[in-house]
Amino acid sequence: MVAKTKTLLWLEVQLQRLEIKLEDIIIVDLFPMLTVQWVKSHPDERKKAIDEIFALTLDFIYTFKPPVILSCQCVNFQGANVWPSLK
Protein backbone atom coordinates (compact mmCIF):
# COMPACT_ATOMS: atom_id res chain seq x y z
CA MET A 1 0.00 0.00 0.00
CA VAL A 2 1.19 3.51 -0.71
CA ALA A 3 1.42 6.25 1.89
CA LYS A 4 -2.05 7.47 2.78
CA THR A 5 -2.71 10.94 1.46
CA LYS A 6 -5.57 13.22 2.49
CA THR A 7 -7.50 11.96 -0.53
CA LEU A 8 -7.00 8.31 0.39
CA LEU A 9 -7.95 8.98 4.00
CA TRP A 10 -11.16 10.70 2.83
CA LEU A 11 -11.91 7.84 0.45
CA GLU A 12 -11.27 5.29 3.19
CA VAL A 13 -13.86 6.96 5.45
CA GLN A 14 -16.41 7.04 2.63
CA LEU A 15 -15.85 3.39 1.79
CA GLN A 16 -16.13 2.32 5.42
CA ARG A 17 -19.75 3.41 5.30
CA LEU A 18 -20.24 0.74 2.64
CA GLU A 19 -18.12 -1.79 4.54
CA ILE A 20 -15.46 -1.69 1.83
CA LYS A 21 -11.72 -1.39 2.45
CA LEU A 22 -9.21 0.42 0.25
CA GLU A 23 -7.55 -2.94 -0.32
CA ASP A 24 -10.80 -4.19 -1.91
CA ILE A 25 -10.71 -1.72 -4.79
CA ILE A 26 -8.46 -0.75 -7.67
CA ILE A 27 -7.04 2.76 -7.37
CA VAL A 28 -5.42 4.45 -10.35
CA ASP A 29 -3.72 7.77 -9.75
CA LEU A 30 -3.09 9.42 -13.09
CA PHE A 31 -0.91 12.36 -12.30
CA PRO A 32 2.10 10.64 -10.73
CA MET A 33 2.76 9.67 -14.34
CA LEU A 34 3.59 13.36 -14.83
CA THR A 35 5.58 14.94 -12.05
CA VAL A 36 5.57 18.68 -11.46
CA GLN A 37 9.29 18.64 -12.23
CA TRP A 38 8.67 16.98 -15.61
CA VAL A 39 5.85 19.38 -16.49
CA LYS A 40 8.00 22.41 -15.63
CA SER A 41 10.86 20.99 -17.69
CA HIS A 42 8.63 20.22 -20.70
CA PRO A 43 5.96 22.95 -20.82
CA ASP A 44 5.39 22.55 -24.56
CA GLU A 45 4.64 18.84 -24.14
CA ARG A 46 2.27 19.19 -21.17
CA LYS A 47 -1.03 19.19 -23.09
CA LYS A 48 -0.03 16.23 -25.26
CA ALA A 49 1.12 14.24 -22.22
CA ILE A 50 -2.10 14.95 -20.29
CA ASP A 51 -4.17 13.95 -23.32
CA GLU A 52 -2.19 10.71 -23.62
CA ILE A 53 -2.73 9.90 -19.94
CA PHE A 54 -6.49 10.36 -20.29
CA ALA A 55 -6.47 8.19 -23.44
CA LEU A 56 -4.58 5.52 -21.52
CA THR A 57 -7.17 5.75 -18.74
CA LEU A 58 -10.00 5.27 -21.22
CA ASP A 59 -8.20 2.27 -22.71
CA PHE A 60 -7.91 0.79 -19.22
CA ILE A 61 -11.64 1.34 -18.59
CA TYR A 62 -12.66 -0.16 -21.94
CA THR A 63 -10.36 -3.15 -21.46
CA PHE A 64 -11.11 -4.05 -17.83
CA LYS A 65 -14.67 -2.70 -17.61
CA PRO A 66 -14.64 -1.95 -13.88
CA PRO A 67 -18.14 -2.11 -12.37
CA VAL A 68 -17.68 1.22 -10.57
CA ILE A 69 -15.56 4.27 -11.33
CA LEU A 70 -15.02 7.04 -8.82
CA SER A 71 -13.12 10.06 -10.02
CA CYS A 72 -11.47 12.26 -7.39
CA GLN A 73 -10.31 15.58 -8.73
CA CYS A 74 -7.93 16.87 -6.10
CA VAL A 75 -5.99 19.93 -7.15
CA ASN A 76 -3.94 22.38 -5.15
CA PHE A 77 -4.65 25.65 -6.93
CA GLN A 78 -1.29 27.01 -5.81
CA GLY A 79 -0.01 24.77 -8.59
CA ALA A 80 -2.44 26.19 -11.14
CA ASN A 81 0.43 27.49 -13.22
CA VAL A 82 1.64 23.89 -13.59
CA TRP A 83 -1.78 22.30 -14.23
CA PRO A 84 -3.81 25.13 -15.85
CA SER A 85 -5.92 22.70 -17.87
CA LEU A 86 -7.42 21.42 -14.61
CA LYS A 87 -9.13 24.69 -13.79
C-alpha atoms as a PDB file:
ATOM      1  CA  MET A   1       0.000   0.000   0.000  1.00  0.00           C
ATOM      2  CA  VAL A   2       1.189   3.510  -0.706  1.00  0.00           C
ATOM      3  CA  ALA A   3       1.416   6.252   1.894  1.00  0.00           C
ATOM      4  CA  LYS A   4      -2.051   7.469   2.785  1.00  0.00           C
ATOM      5  CA  THR A   5      -2.708  10.945   1.460  1.00  0.00           C
ATOM      6  CA  LYS A   6      -5.574  13.225   2.489  1.00  0.00           C
ATOM      7  CA  THR A   7      -7.500  11.960  -0.531  1.00  0.00           C
ATOM      8  CA  LEU A   8      -7.002   8.306   0.391  1.00  0.00           C
ATOM      9  CA  LEU A   9      -7.950   8.982   4.004  1.00  0.00           C
ATOM     10  CA  TRP A  10     -11.158  10.701   2.832  1.00  0.00           C
ATOM     11  CA  LEU A  11     -11.907   7.840   0.449  1.00  0.00           C
ATOM     12  CA  GLU A  12     -11.272   5.288   3.187  1.00  0.00           C
ATOM     13  CA  VAL A  13     -13.856   6.960   5.447  1.00  0.00           C
ATOM     14  CA  GLN A  14     -16.413   7.043   2.633  1.00  0.00           C
ATOM     15  CA  LEU A  15     -15.848   3.387   1.788  1.00  0.00           C
ATOM     16  CA  GLN A  16     -16.126   2.320   5.424  1.00  0.00           C
ATOM     17  CA  ARG A  17     -19.748   3.412   5.305  1.00  0.00           C
ATOM     18  CA  LEU A  18     -20.238   0.744   2.641  1.00  0.00           C
ATOM     19  CA  GLU A  19     -18.118  -1.787   4.536  1.00  0.00           C
ATOM     20  CA  ILE A  20     -15.458  -1.695   1.829  1.00  0.00           C
ATOM     21  CA  LYS A  21     -11.719  -1.390   2.447  1.00  0.00           C
ATOM     22  CA  LEU A  22      -9.209   0.421   0.253  1.00  0.00           C
ATOM     23  CA  GLU A  23      -7.550  -2.944  -0.315  1.00  0.00           C
ATOM     24  CA  ASP A  24     -10.800  -4.189  -1.912  1.00  0.00           C
ATOM     25  CA  ILE A  25     -10.713  -1.720  -4.788  1.00  0.00           C
ATOM     26  CA  ILE A  26      -8.464  -0.745  -7.671  1.00  0.00           C
ATOM     27  CA  ILE A  27      -7.038   2.761  -7.371  1.00  0.00           C
ATOM     28  CA  VAL A  28      -5.418   4.453 -10.352  1.00  0.00           C
ATOM     29  CA  ASP A  29      -3.725   7.774  -9.749  1.00  0.00           C
ATOM     30  CA  LEU A  30      -3.091   9.419 -13.090  1.00  0.00           C
ATOM     31  CA  PHE A  31      -0.915  12.360 -12.301  1.00  0.00           C
ATOM     32  CA  PRO A  32       2.105  10.639 -10.735  1.00  0.00           C
ATOM     33  CA  MET A  33       2.757   9.667 -14.338  1.00  0.00           C
ATOM     34  CA  LEU A  34       3.589  13.358 -14.828  1.00  0.00           C
ATOM     35  CA  THR A  35       5.579  14.937 -12.047  1.00  0.00           C
ATOM     36  CA  VAL A  36       5.566  18.679 -11.457  1.00  0.00           C
ATOM     37  CA  GLN A  37       9.288  18.639 -12.231  1.00  0.00           C
ATOM     38  CA  TRP A  38       8.668  16.979 -15.614  1.00  0.00           C
ATOM     39  CA  VAL A  39       5.849  19.379 -16.492  1.00  0.00           C
ATOM     40  CA  LYS A  40       7.996  22.405 -15.630  1.00  0.00           C
ATOM     41  CA  SER A  41      10.864  20.988 -17.686  1.00  0.00           C
ATOM     42  CA  HIS A  42       8.630  20.220 -20.704  1.00  0.00           C
ATOM     43  CA  PRO A  43       5.957  22.950 -20.824  1.00  0.00           C
ATOM     44  CA  ASP A  44       5.393  22.553 -24.563  1.00  0.00           C
ATOM     45  CA  GLU A  45       4.642  18.840 -24.136  1.00  0.00           C
ATOM     46  CA  ARG A  46       2.270  19.192 -21.168  1.00  0.00           C
ATOM     47  CA  LYS A  47      -1.030  19.192 -23.090  1.00  0.00           C
ATOM     48  CA  LYS A  48      -0.034  16.227 -25.261  1.00  0.00           C
ATOM     49  CA  ALA A  49       1.117  14.242 -22.218  1.00  0.00           C
ATOM     50  CA  ILE A  50      -2.100  14.951 -20.288  1.00  0.00           C
ATOM     51  CA  ASP A  51      -4.175  13.952 -23.323  1.00  0.00           C
ATOM     52  CA  GLU A  52      -2.185  10.710 -23.620  1.00  0.00           C
ATOM     53  CA  ILE A  53      -2.730   9.902 -19.938  1.00  0.00           C
ATOM     54  CA  PHE A  54      -6.485  10.362 -20.286  1.00  0.00           C
ATOM     55  CA  ALA A  55      -6.474   8.193 -23.435  1.00  0.00           C
ATOM     56  CA  LEU A  56      -4.578   5.517 -21.516  1.00  0.00           C
ATOM     57  CA  THR A  57      -7.171   5.747 -18.741  1.00  0.00           C
ATOM     58  CA  LEU A  58     -10.001   5.272 -21.225  1.00  0.00           C
ATOM     59  CA  ASP A  59      -8.196   2.271 -22.715  1.00  0.00           C
ATOM     60  CA  PHE A  60      -7.914   0.790 -19.220  1.00  0.00           C
ATOM     61  CA  ILE A  61     -11.636   1.344 -18.592  1.00  0.00           C
ATOM     62  CA  TYR A  62     -12.664  -0.158 -21.944  1.00  0.00           C
ATOM     63  CA  THR A  63     -10.360  -3.145 -21.456  1.00  0.00           C
ATOM     64  CA  PHE A  64     -11.114  -4.046 -17.830  1.00  0.00           C
ATOM     65  CA  LYS A  65     -14.672  -2.696 -17.612  1.00  0.00           C
ATOM     66  CA  PRO A  66     -14.641  -1.953 -13.878  1.00  0.00           C
ATOM     67  CA  PRO A  67     -18.142  -2.106 -12.373  1.00  0.00           C
ATOM     68  CA  VAL A  68     -17.683   1.221 -10.570  1.00  0.00           C
ATOM     69  CA  ILE A  69     -15.563   4.267 -11.334  1.00  0.00           C
ATOM     70  CA  LEU A  70     -15.021   7.042  -8.821  1.00  0.00           C
ATOM     71  CA  SER A  71     -13.122  10.062 -10.025  1.00  0.00           C
ATOM     72  CA  CYS A  72     -11.466  12.257  -7.393  1.00  0.00           C
ATOM     73  CA  GLN A  73     -10.314  15.584  -8.732  1.00  0.00           C
ATOM     74  CA  CYS A  74      -7.929  16.870  -6.097  1.00  0.00           C
ATOM     75  CA  VAL A  75      -5.993  19.930  -7.146  1.00  0.00           C
ATOM     76  CA  ASN A  76      -3.945  22.376  -5.151  1.00  0.00           C
ATOM     77  CA  PHE A  77      -4.646  25.653  -6.927  1.00  0.00           C
ATOM     78  CA  GLN A  78      -1.292  27.015  -5.806  1.00  0.00           C
ATOM     79  CA  GLY A  79      -0.012  24.766  -8.585  1.00  0.00           C
ATOM     80  CA  ALA A  80      -2.439  26.190 -11.138  1.00  0.00           C
ATOM     81  CA  ASN A  81       0.431  27.493 -13.223  1.00  0.00           C
ATOM     82  CA  VAL A  82       1.644  23.891 -13.587  1.00  0.00           C
ATOM     83  CA  TRP A  83      -1.779  22.296 -14.231  1.00  0.00           C
ATOM     84  CA  PRO A  84      -3.815  25.131 -15.845  1.00  0.00           C
ATOM     85  CA  SER A  85      -5.916  22.696 -17.872  1.00  0.00           C
ATOM     86  CA  LEU A  86      -7.423  21.418 -14.611  1.00  0.00           C
ATOM     87  CA  LYS A  87      -9.131  24.688 -13.791  1.00  0.00           C
END
